[in-house]
Amino acid sequence: MNDQLNNSLTPVADEQSRLRDLVQASPISMPIGDAASGQVVFANDEIRRITGVQFQVHTPLKDYSGSLTLNWPDGRTIDPRYTPFRRAMTDGVRTTAEEVRFVRTDGTSVPVLVSAMLVMDPEGRVSGAIAVTQDLSTRADLERMRSEFLALVSQGLRPSGLPDLS
């Protein structure tokens, strides 16, 4: 009987392992939190790369507030209680495609696009949250280079003797 049970559970364990490997290898960060405990229960390598923070499983999300700051694109700091991931875990608020900046302890910042989804239990209560975060650094660098190039080109195309009106 035990062999039958073990054999029937093997495909489930294999699927869980494949899913974990897929999420771990993803170029999108995906921390997962438990609403009841307020803890991060999974964090893939990409969130560690983007933030510079070594997220540990079963650590309360609030413990990271001194290690990581989030800012709005205009530079205003987001109160740690109101980050998209925290709002989803504690208030059941879903966030879709919100642009913020992770400010690391070394002062560098990374522009990201973050969405936070709710995980619901069978009774319809929030049991956790998943934050999906995409690093926008490459896009921001390309936009900056494009602007610089256009500025250079427009300078070169302006007839000499005319004032710069930009």
N, C-alpha and C. Protein backbone atom coordinates (compact mmCIF):
# COMPACT_ATOMS: atom_id res chain seq x y z
N MET A 1 0.83 -1.20 0.00
CA MET A 1 0.00 0.00 0.00
C MET A 1 0.87 1.26 0.00
N ASN A 2 1.92 1.27 0.84
CA ASN A 2 2.81 2.43 0.89
C ASN A 2 3.52 2.64 -0.44
N ASP A 3 3.90 1.54 -1.11
CA ASP A 3 4.56 1.67 -2.41
C ASP A 3 3.62 2.31 -3.43
N GLN A 4 2.35 1.93 -3.40
CA GLN A 4 1.38 2.52 -4.32
C GLN A 4 1.24 4.01 -4.06
N LEU A 5 1.15 4.39 -2.80
CA LEU A 5 1.03 5.80 -2.44
C LEU A 5 2.26 6.58 -2.86
N ASN A 6 3.45 6.03 -2.60
CA ASN A 6 4.68 6.70 -3.00
C ASN A 6 4.77 6.85 -4.51
N ASN A 7 4.36 5.80 -5.24
CA ASN A 7 4.40 5.85 -6.70
C ASN A 7 3.42 6.88 -7.25
N SER A 8 2.28 7.03 -6.60
CA SER A 8 1.30 8.01 -7.09
C SER A 8 1.72 9.44 -6.76
N LEU A 9 2.52 9.63 -5.71
CA LEU A 9 2.98 10.97 -5.35
C LEU A 9 4.22 11.41 -6.14
N THR A 10 4.95 10.47 -6.72
CA THR A 10 6.17 10.80 -7.45
C THR A 10 5.92 11.78 -8.60
N PRO A 11 4.89 11.59 -9.43
CA PRO A 11 4.66 12.57 -10.49
C PRO A 11 4.38 13.98 -9.95
N VAL A 12 3.69 14.07 -8.84
CA VAL A 12 3.39 15.38 -8.24
C VAL A 12 4.69 16.04 -7.79
N ALA A 13 5.55 15.29 -7.12
CA ALA A 13 6.84 15.83 -6.66
C ALA A 13 7.70 16.24 -7.85
N ASP A 14 7.67 15.45 -8.92
CA ASP A 14 8.44 15.79 -10.12
C ASP A 14 7.93 17.10 -10.73
N GLU A 15 6.61 17.25 -10.81
CA GLU A 15 6.03 18.48 -11.35
C GLU A 15 6.39 19.69 -10.49
N GLN A 16 6.32 19.53 -9.17
CA GLN A 16 6.69 20.62 -8.27
C GLN A 16 8.15 21.00 -8.46
N SER A 17 9.01 20.02 -8.62
CA SER A 17 10.43 20.27 -8.83
C SER A 17 10.67 21.01 -10.15
N ARG A 18 9.98 20.59 -11.21
CA ARG A 18 10.12 21.26 -12.51
C ARG A 18 9.62 22.70 -12.44
N LEU A 19 8.50 22.91 -11.75
CA LEU A 19 7.96 24.26 -11.61
C LEU A 19 8.93 25.14 -10.82
N ARG A 20 9.49 24.64 -9.74
CA ARG A 20 10.45 25.39 -8.94
C ARG A 20 11.69 25.75 -9.79
N ASP A 21 12.17 24.79 -10.59
CA ASP A 21 13.33 25.04 -11.45
C ASP A 21 13.01 26.12 -12.49
N LEU A 22 11.80 26.07 -13.05
CA LEU A 22 11.38 27.06 -14.05
C LEU A 22 11.34 28.46 -13.45
N VAL A 23 10.73 28.59 -12.28
CA VAL A 23 10.63 29.89 -11.61
C VAL A 23 12.02 30.37 -11.21
N GLN A 24 12.87 29.48 -10.74
CA GLN A 24 14.22 29.85 -10.33
C GLN A 24 15.03 30.39 -11.51
N ALA A 25 14.84 29.82 -12.70
CA ALA A 25 15.60 30.23 -13.88
C ALA A 25 15.00 31.43 -14.61
N SER A 26 13.84 31.88 -14.19
CA SER A 26 13.13 32.95 -14.88
C SER A 26 13.89 34.27 -14.84
N PRO A 27 13.83 35.05 -15.93
CA PRO A 27 14.42 36.39 -15.92
C PRO A 27 13.54 37.42 -15.21
N ILE A 28 12.42 36.97 -14.70
CA ILE A 28 11.49 37.81 -13.94
C ILE A 28 11.60 37.40 -12.48
N SER A 29 11.69 38.37 -11.58
CA SER A 29 11.77 37.99 -10.16
C SER A 29 10.38 37.62 -9.65
N MET A 30 10.34 36.64 -8.75
CA MET A 30 9.07 36.16 -8.22
C MET A 30 9.16 35.78 -6.75
N PRO A 31 9.20 36.75 -5.85
CA PRO A 31 9.08 36.36 -4.44
C PRO A 31 7.64 35.98 -4.13
N ILE A 32 7.49 35.02 -3.25
CA ILE A 32 6.17 34.56 -2.84
C ILE A 32 6.08 34.71 -1.32
N GLY A 33 4.97 35.29 -0.86
CA GLY A 33 4.81 35.53 0.56
C GLY A 33 3.58 34.85 1.13
N ASP A 34 3.64 34.53 2.40
CA ASP A 34 2.53 33.94 3.13
C ASP A 34 1.85 35.03 3.93
N ALA A 35 0.55 35.25 3.71
CA ALA A 35 -0.17 36.34 4.36
C ALA A 35 -0.29 36.15 5.87
N ALA A 36 -0.53 34.92 6.32
CA ALA A 36 -0.73 34.68 7.75
C ALA A 36 0.51 35.01 8.57
N SER A 37 1.68 34.61 8.08
CA SER A 37 2.92 34.83 8.83
C SER A 37 3.63 36.12 8.42
N GLY A 38 3.27 36.66 7.23
CA GLY A 38 3.97 37.84 6.73
C GLY A 38 5.38 37.52 6.25
N GLN A 39 5.65 36.24 6.02
CA GLN A 39 7.00 35.81 5.65
C GLN A 39 7.14 35.59 4.15
N VAL A 40 8.37 35.78 3.67
CA VAL A 40 8.74 35.40 2.31
C VAL A 40 8.98 33.90 2.36
N VAL A 41 8.23 33.14 1.56
CA VAL A 41 8.37 31.69 1.58
C VAL A 41 9.14 31.16 0.37
N PHE A 42 9.34 32.01 -0.63
CA PHE A 42 10.15 31.64 -1.79
C PHE A 42 10.66 32.91 -2.43
N ALA A 43 11.91 32.89 -2.87
CA ALA A 43 12.48 34.01 -3.61
C ALA A 43 13.46 33.45 -4.62
N ASN A 44 13.25 33.75 -5.90
CA ASN A 44 14.18 33.22 -6.90
C ASN A 44 15.43 34.11 -6.98
N ASP A 45 16.41 33.65 -7.73
CA ASP A 45 17.70 34.36 -7.82
C ASP A 45 17.57 35.74 -8.44
N GLU A 46 16.59 35.94 -9.31
CA GLU A 46 16.45 37.23 -10.00
C GLU A 46 16.10 38.35 -9.01
N ILE A 47 15.28 38.09 -8.01
CA ILE A 47 14.97 39.15 -7.04
C ILE A 47 16.23 39.50 -6.24
N ARG A 48 17.06 38.53 -5.99
CA ARG A 48 18.32 38.79 -5.29
C ARG A 48 19.24 39.64 -6.16
N ARG A 49 19.29 39.35 -7.46
CA ARG A 49 20.14 40.11 -8.37
C ARG A 49 19.66 41.56 -8.50
N ILE A 50 18.36 41.73 -8.68
CA ILE A 50 17.81 43.07 -8.88
C ILE A 50 17.98 43.94 -7.63
N THR A 51 17.68 43.38 -6.48
CA THR A 51 17.66 44.18 -5.25
C THR A 51 19.00 44.22 -4.52
N GLY A 52 19.83 43.21 -4.76
CA GLY A 52 21.07 43.11 -3.99
C GLY A 52 20.83 42.58 -2.59
N VAL A 53 19.61 42.14 -2.29
CA VAL A 53 19.25 41.62 -0.97
C VAL A 53 19.18 40.10 -1.05
N GLN A 54 19.76 39.42 -0.09
CA GLN A 54 19.72 37.96 -0.03
C GLN A 54 18.46 37.53 0.71
N PHE A 55 17.34 37.52 0.01
CA PHE A 55 16.08 37.09 0.61
C PHE A 55 16.22 35.65 1.11
N GLN A 56 15.80 35.43 2.32
CA GLN A 56 15.83 34.10 2.93
C GLN A 56 14.39 33.66 3.17
N VAL A 57 14.13 32.39 2.90
CA VAL A 57 12.77 31.89 3.14
C VAL A 57 12.47 31.90 4.63
N HIS A 58 11.21 32.06 4.93
CA HIS A 58 10.68 32.09 6.29
C HIS A 58 11.22 33.27 7.10
N THR A 59 11.47 34.38 6.41
CA THR A 59 11.87 35.62 7.07
C THR A 59 10.74 36.62 6.85
N PRO A 60 10.29 37.30 7.90
CA PRO A 60 9.22 38.28 7.73
C PRO A 60 9.61 39.38 6.74
N LEU A 61 8.68 39.73 5.88
CA LEU A 61 8.93 40.77 4.87
C LEU A 61 9.36 42.08 5.52
N LYS A 62 8.80 42.40 6.68
CA LYS A 62 9.14 43.66 7.35
C LYS A 62 10.62 43.72 7.75
N ASP A 63 11.27 42.56 7.88
CA ASP A 63 12.69 42.54 8.25
C ASP A 63 13.60 43.09 7.14
N TYR A 64 13.07 43.22 5.94
CA TYR A 64 13.86 43.71 4.82
C TYR A 64 13.75 45.22 4.62
N SER A 65 12.91 45.88 5.40
CA SER A 65 12.68 47.31 5.16
C SER A 65 13.94 48.15 5.34
N GLY A 66 14.91 47.72 6.14
CA GLY A 66 16.15 48.46 6.29
C GLY A 66 17.16 48.16 5.20
N SER A 67 16.95 47.07 4.47
CA SER A 67 17.89 46.64 3.43
C SER A 67 17.53 47.16 2.05
N LEU A 68 16.31 47.59 1.89
CA LEU A 68 15.82 47.91 0.56
C LEU A 68 14.82 49.06 0.63
N THR A 69 15.01 50.02 -0.26
CA THR A 69 14.09 51.15 -0.35
C THR A 69 13.45 51.13 -1.73
N LEU A 70 12.17 51.43 -1.78
CA LEU A 70 11.49 51.58 -3.06
C LEU A 70 11.11 53.04 -3.24
N ASN A 71 11.37 53.55 -4.43
CA ASN A 71 11.01 54.93 -4.77
C ASN A 71 10.08 54.93 -5.96
N TRP A 72 9.25 55.97 -6.01
CA TRP A 72 8.47 56.23 -7.22
C TRP A 72 9.44 56.77 -8.27
N PRO A 73 9.08 56.75 -9.55
CA PRO A 73 9.98 57.26 -10.58
C PRO A 73 10.42 58.72 -10.35
N ASP A 74 9.59 59.50 -9.65
CA ASP A 74 9.97 60.91 -9.40
C ASP A 74 10.90 61.06 -8.20
N GLY A 75 11.29 59.93 -7.56
CA GLY A 75 12.24 59.98 -6.46
C GLY A 75 11.64 59.92 -5.07
N ARG A 76 10.32 60.09 -4.94
CA ARG A 76 9.70 60.00 -3.62
C ARG A 76 9.80 58.56 -3.10
N THR A 77 10.10 58.43 -1.81
CA THR A 77 10.23 57.12 -1.19
C THR A 77 8.85 56.54 -0.90
N ILE A 78 8.71 55.26 -1.17
CA ILE A 78 7.47 54.54 -0.87
C ILE A 78 7.58 54.01 0.55
N ASP A 79 6.62 54.32 1.38
CA ASP A 79 6.57 53.81 2.74
C ASP A 79 6.60 52.28 2.67
N PRO A 80 7.49 51.61 3.43
CA PRO A 80 7.59 50.14 3.36
C PRO A 80 6.26 49.42 3.57
N ARG A 81 5.34 50.04 4.30
CA ARG A 81 4.03 49.41 4.53
C ARG A 81 3.17 49.41 3.28
N TYR A 82 3.55 50.20 2.27
CA TYR A 82 2.70 50.36 1.08
C TYR A 82 3.36 49.92 -0.22
N THR A 83 4.39 49.09 -0.12
CA THR A 83 4.98 48.54 -1.34
C THR A 83 3.96 47.58 -1.97
N PRO A 84 4.02 47.37 -3.27
CA PRO A 84 3.03 46.49 -3.90
C PRO A 84 2.95 45.09 -3.28
N PHE A 85 4.09 44.50 -2.98
CA PHE A 85 4.11 43.15 -2.40
C PHE A 85 3.49 43.15 -1.01
N ARG A 86 3.84 44.12 -0.21
CA ARG A 86 3.31 44.21 1.17
C ARG A 86 1.81 44.49 1.16
N ARG A 87 1.35 45.39 0.26
CA ARG A 87 -0.09 45.67 0.18
C ARG A 87 -0.87 44.42 -0.20
N ALA A 88 -0.31 43.63 -1.11
CA ALA A 88 -1.00 42.40 -1.51
C ALA A 88 -1.08 41.44 -0.34
N MET A 89 0.03 41.27 0.38
CA MET A 89 0.05 40.30 1.49
C MET A 89 -0.80 40.74 2.66
N THR A 90 -0.78 42.01 3.01
CA THR A 90 -1.46 42.44 4.23
C THR A 90 -2.85 43.01 3.99
N ASP A 91 -3.07 43.65 2.83
CA ASP A 91 -4.35 44.32 2.58
C ASP A 91 -5.17 43.70 1.47
N GLY A 92 -4.60 42.70 0.77
CA GLY A 92 -5.34 42.08 -0.32
C GLY A 92 -5.50 42.99 -1.52
N VAL A 93 -4.54 43.92 -1.71
CA VAL A 93 -4.60 44.86 -2.83
C VAL A 93 -3.70 44.37 -3.96
N ARG A 94 -4.30 44.20 -5.11
CA ARG A 94 -3.57 43.75 -6.30
C ARG A 94 -2.98 44.97 -7.01
N THR A 95 -1.77 44.81 -7.53
CA THR A 95 -1.10 45.88 -8.28
C THR A 95 -0.73 45.34 -9.65
N THR A 96 -0.96 46.16 -10.68
CA THR A 96 -0.62 45.74 -12.03
C THR A 96 0.30 46.76 -12.67
N ALA A 97 1.48 46.31 -13.08
CA ALA A 97 2.44 47.09 -13.88
C ALA A 97 2.71 48.48 -13.31
N GLU A 98 3.19 48.52 -12.09
CA GLU A 98 3.53 49.79 -11.45
C GLU A 98 5.05 49.98 -11.56
N GLU A 99 5.46 51.14 -12.06
CA GLU A 99 6.89 51.41 -12.21
C GLU A 99 7.43 52.02 -10.92
N VAL A 100 8.47 51.38 -10.38
CA VAL A 100 9.15 51.86 -9.17
C VAL A 100 10.65 51.66 -9.37
N ARG A 101 11.43 52.14 -8.39
CA ARG A 101 12.87 51.93 -8.40
C ARG A 101 13.28 51.26 -7.10
N PHE A 102 14.03 50.16 -7.20
CA PHE A 102 14.65 49.56 -6.03
C PHE A 102 15.93 50.34 -5.78
N VAL A 103 16.10 50.86 -4.58
CA VAL A 103 17.33 51.55 -4.21
C VAL A 103 18.08 50.62 -3.27
N ARG A 104 19.25 50.21 -3.71
CA ARG A 104 20.06 49.27 -2.93
C ARG A 104 20.82 50.00 -1.83
N THR A 105 21.35 49.24 -0.89
CA THR A 105 22.09 49.84 0.23
C THR A 105 23.36 50.54 -0.24
N ASP A 106 23.90 50.17 -1.42
CA ASP A 106 25.10 50.84 -1.94
C ASP A 106 24.75 52.13 -2.69
N GLY A 107 23.46 52.48 -2.76
CA GLY A 107 23.03 53.72 -3.39
C GLY A 107 22.62 53.57 -4.84
N THR A 108 22.96 52.46 -5.49
CA THR A 108 22.54 52.26 -6.87
C THR A 108 21.05 51.96 -6.89
N SER A 109 20.43 52.25 -8.02
CA SER A 109 18.99 51.98 -8.12
C SER A 109 18.69 51.25 -9.42
N VAL A 110 17.61 50.50 -9.40
CA VAL A 110 17.20 49.70 -10.54
C VAL A 110 15.74 50.00 -10.83
N PRO A 111 15.44 50.52 -12.03
CA PRO A 111 14.03 50.73 -12.39
C PRO A 111 13.38 49.38 -12.69
N VAL A 112 12.18 49.17 -12.15
CA VAL A 112 11.48 47.91 -12.36
C VAL A 112 10.00 48.16 -12.62
N LEU A 113 9.39 47.17 -13.21
CA LEU A 113 7.94 47.14 -13.39
C LEU A 113 7.44 46.01 -12.50
N VAL A 114 6.57 46.34 -11.55
CA VAL A 114 6.14 45.33 -10.58
C VAL A 114 4.62 45.15 -10.60
N SER A 115 4.23 43.89 -10.51
CA SER A 115 2.83 43.53 -10.34
C SER A 115 2.76 42.60 -9.13
N ALA A 116 1.74 42.73 -8.33
CA ALA A 116 1.57 41.86 -7.18
C ALA A 116 0.19 41.22 -7.25
N MET A 117 0.19 39.90 -7.25
CA MET A 117 -1.06 39.14 -7.36
C MET A 117 -1.37 38.48 -6.03
N LEU A 118 -2.63 38.20 -5.83
CA LEU A 118 -3.09 37.56 -4.61
C LEU A 118 -3.18 36.05 -4.80
N VAL A 119 -2.87 35.32 -3.74
CA VAL A 119 -3.11 33.88 -3.70
C VAL A 119 -4.26 33.69 -2.73
N MET A 120 -5.31 33.05 -3.20
CA MET A 120 -6.53 32.89 -2.39
C MET A 120 -6.66 31.44 -1.90
N ASP A 121 -7.21 31.29 -0.69
CA ASP A 121 -7.49 29.95 -0.17
C ASP A 121 -8.86 29.51 -0.70
N PRO A 122 -9.26 28.26 -0.46
CA PRO A 122 -10.54 27.77 -0.98
C PRO A 122 -11.76 28.57 -0.49
N GLU A 123 -11.64 29.26 0.66
CA GLU A 123 -12.75 30.05 1.17
C GLU A 123 -12.76 31.47 0.61
N GLY A 124 -11.80 31.79 -0.27
CA GLY A 124 -11.76 33.11 -0.88
C GLY A 124 -10.99 34.16 -0.10
N ARG A 125 -10.26 33.74 0.92
CA ARG A 125 -9.44 34.67 1.71
C ARG A 125 -8.04 34.73 1.14
N VAL A 126 -7.37 35.88 1.31
CA VAL A 126 -6.00 36.03 0.84
C VAL A 126 -5.10 35.17 1.72
N SER A 127 -4.38 34.24 1.10
CA SER A 127 -3.47 33.39 1.85
C SER A 127 -2.01 33.75 1.57
N GLY A 128 -1.80 34.52 0.52
CA GLY A 128 -0.43 34.91 0.18
C GLY A 128 -0.41 35.84 -1.01
N ALA A 129 0.79 36.10 -1.47
CA ALA A 129 0.97 37.01 -2.61
C ALA A 129 2.20 36.61 -3.40
N ILE A 130 2.16 36.95 -4.67
CA ILE A 130 3.31 36.76 -5.56
C ILE A 130 3.58 38.11 -6.20
N ALA A 131 4.82 38.56 -6.12
CA ALA A 131 5.21 39.79 -6.81
C ALA A 131 6.03 39.39 -8.03
N VAL A 132 5.67 39.93 -9.17
CA VAL A 132 6.39 39.67 -10.42
C VAL A 132 7.06 40.98 -10.80
N THR A 133 8.39 40.95 -10.86
CA THR A 133 9.15 42.18 -11.07
C THR A 133 10.09 42.02 -12.25
N GLN A 134 10.02 42.97 -13.19
CA GLN A 134 10.87 42.96 -14.37
C GLN A 134 11.85 44.12 -14.30
N ASP A 135 13.12 43.81 -14.48
CA ASP A 135 14.18 44.82 -14.49
C ASP A 135 14.06 45.64 -15.77
N LEU A 136 13.95 46.96 -15.64
CA LEU A 136 13.83 47.86 -16.79
C LEU A 136 15.13 48.58 -17.10
N SER A 137 16.24 48.17 -16.47
CA SER A 137 17.52 48.87 -16.66
C SER A 137 17.93 48.98 -18.12
N THR A 138 17.83 47.90 -18.84
CA THR A 138 18.24 47.90 -20.25
C THR A 138 17.40 48.87 -21.05
N ARG A 139 16.10 48.86 -20.81
CA ARG A 139 15.20 49.78 -21.52
C ARG A 139 15.54 51.22 -21.18
N ALA A 140 15.81 51.51 -19.90
CA ALA A 140 16.15 52.87 -19.48
C ALA A 140 17.46 53.32 -20.13
N ASP A 141 18.44 52.41 -20.21
CA ASP A 141 19.71 52.74 -20.85
C ASP A 141 19.51 53.04 -22.33
N LEU A 142 18.68 52.24 -23.00
CA LEU A 142 18.41 52.47 -24.43
C LEU A 142 17.71 53.81 -24.64
N GLU A 143 16.75 54.15 -23.78
CA GLU A 143 16.06 55.44 -23.89
C GLU A 143 17.03 56.61 -23.71
N ARG A 144 17.94 56.48 -22.74
CA ARG A 144 18.93 57.53 -22.49
C ARG A 144 19.84 57.70 -23.70
N MET A 145 20.33 56.58 -24.27
CA MET A 145 21.21 56.65 -25.45
C MET A 145 20.47 57.24 -26.64
N ARG A 146 19.21 56.88 -26.80
CA ARG A 146 18.39 57.42 -27.90
C ARG A 146 18.26 58.94 -27.77
N SER A 147 17.99 59.41 -26.56
CA SER A 147 17.86 60.85 -26.33
C SER A 147 19.17 61.57 -26.62
N GLU A 148 20.27 60.98 -26.15
CA GLU A 148 21.58 61.59 -26.40
C GLU A 148 21.88 61.64 -27.89
N PHE A 149 21.58 60.56 -28.61
CA PHE A 149 21.81 60.51 -30.04
C PHE A 149 20.98 61.56 -30.77
N LEU A 150 19.71 61.67 -30.41
CA LEU A 150 18.84 62.65 -31.06
C LEU A 150 19.31 64.08 -30.77
N ALA A 151 19.81 64.31 -29.58
CA ALA A 151 20.35 65.64 -29.26
C ALA A 151 21.57 65.95 -30.11
N LEU A 152 22.44 64.96 -30.29
CA LEU A 152 23.63 65.16 -31.13
C LEU A 152 23.24 65.40 -32.59
N VAL A 153 22.31 64.59 -33.08
CA VAL A 153 21.88 64.72 -34.48
C VAL A 153 21.22 66.08 -34.70
N SER A 154 20.37 66.50 -33.78
CA SER A 154 19.68 67.78 -33.97
C SER A 154 20.66 68.94 -33.90
N GLN A 155 21.71 68.82 -33.10
CA GLN A 155 22.75 69.86 -33.05
C GLN A 155 23.46 69.94 -34.40
N GLY A 156 23.76 68.78 -34.98
CA GLY A 156 24.47 68.74 -36.25
C GLY A 156 23.64 69.21 -37.42
N LEU A 157 22.31 69.11 -37.34
CA LEU A 157 21.44 69.50 -38.44
C LEU A 157 21.02 70.96 -38.38
N ARG A 158 21.25 71.62 -37.27
CA ARG A 158 20.83 73.01 -37.13
C ARG A 158 21.78 73.88 -37.97
N PRO A 159 21.23 74.75 -38.84
CA PRO A 159 22.09 75.63 -39.64
C PRO A 159 22.91 76.55 -38.73
N SER A 160 24.16 76.74 -39.09
CA SER A 160 25.01 77.58 -38.25
C SER A 160 24.49 79.01 -38.24
N GLY A 161 24.71 79.68 -37.15
CA GLY A 161 24.28 81.06 -36.98
C GLY A 161 22.90 81.21 -36.36
N LEU A 162 22.12 80.13 -36.31
CA LEU A 162 20.81 80.20 -35.68
C LEU A 162 20.94 79.84 -34.20
N PRO A 163 20.15 80.49 -33.35
CA PRO A 163 20.24 80.19 -31.91
C PRO A 163 19.68 78.82 -31.58
N ASP A 164 20.18 78.25 -30.51
CA ASP A 164 19.67 76.96 -30.00
C ASP A 164 18.41 77.26 -29.20
N LEU A 165 17.27 76.81 -29.65
CA LEU A 165 15.99 77.09 -29.01
C LEU A 165 15.53 75.96 -28.10
N SER A 166 16.35 74.94 -27.92
CA SER A 166 15.90 73.82 -27.09
C SER A 166 16.10 74.05 -25.63
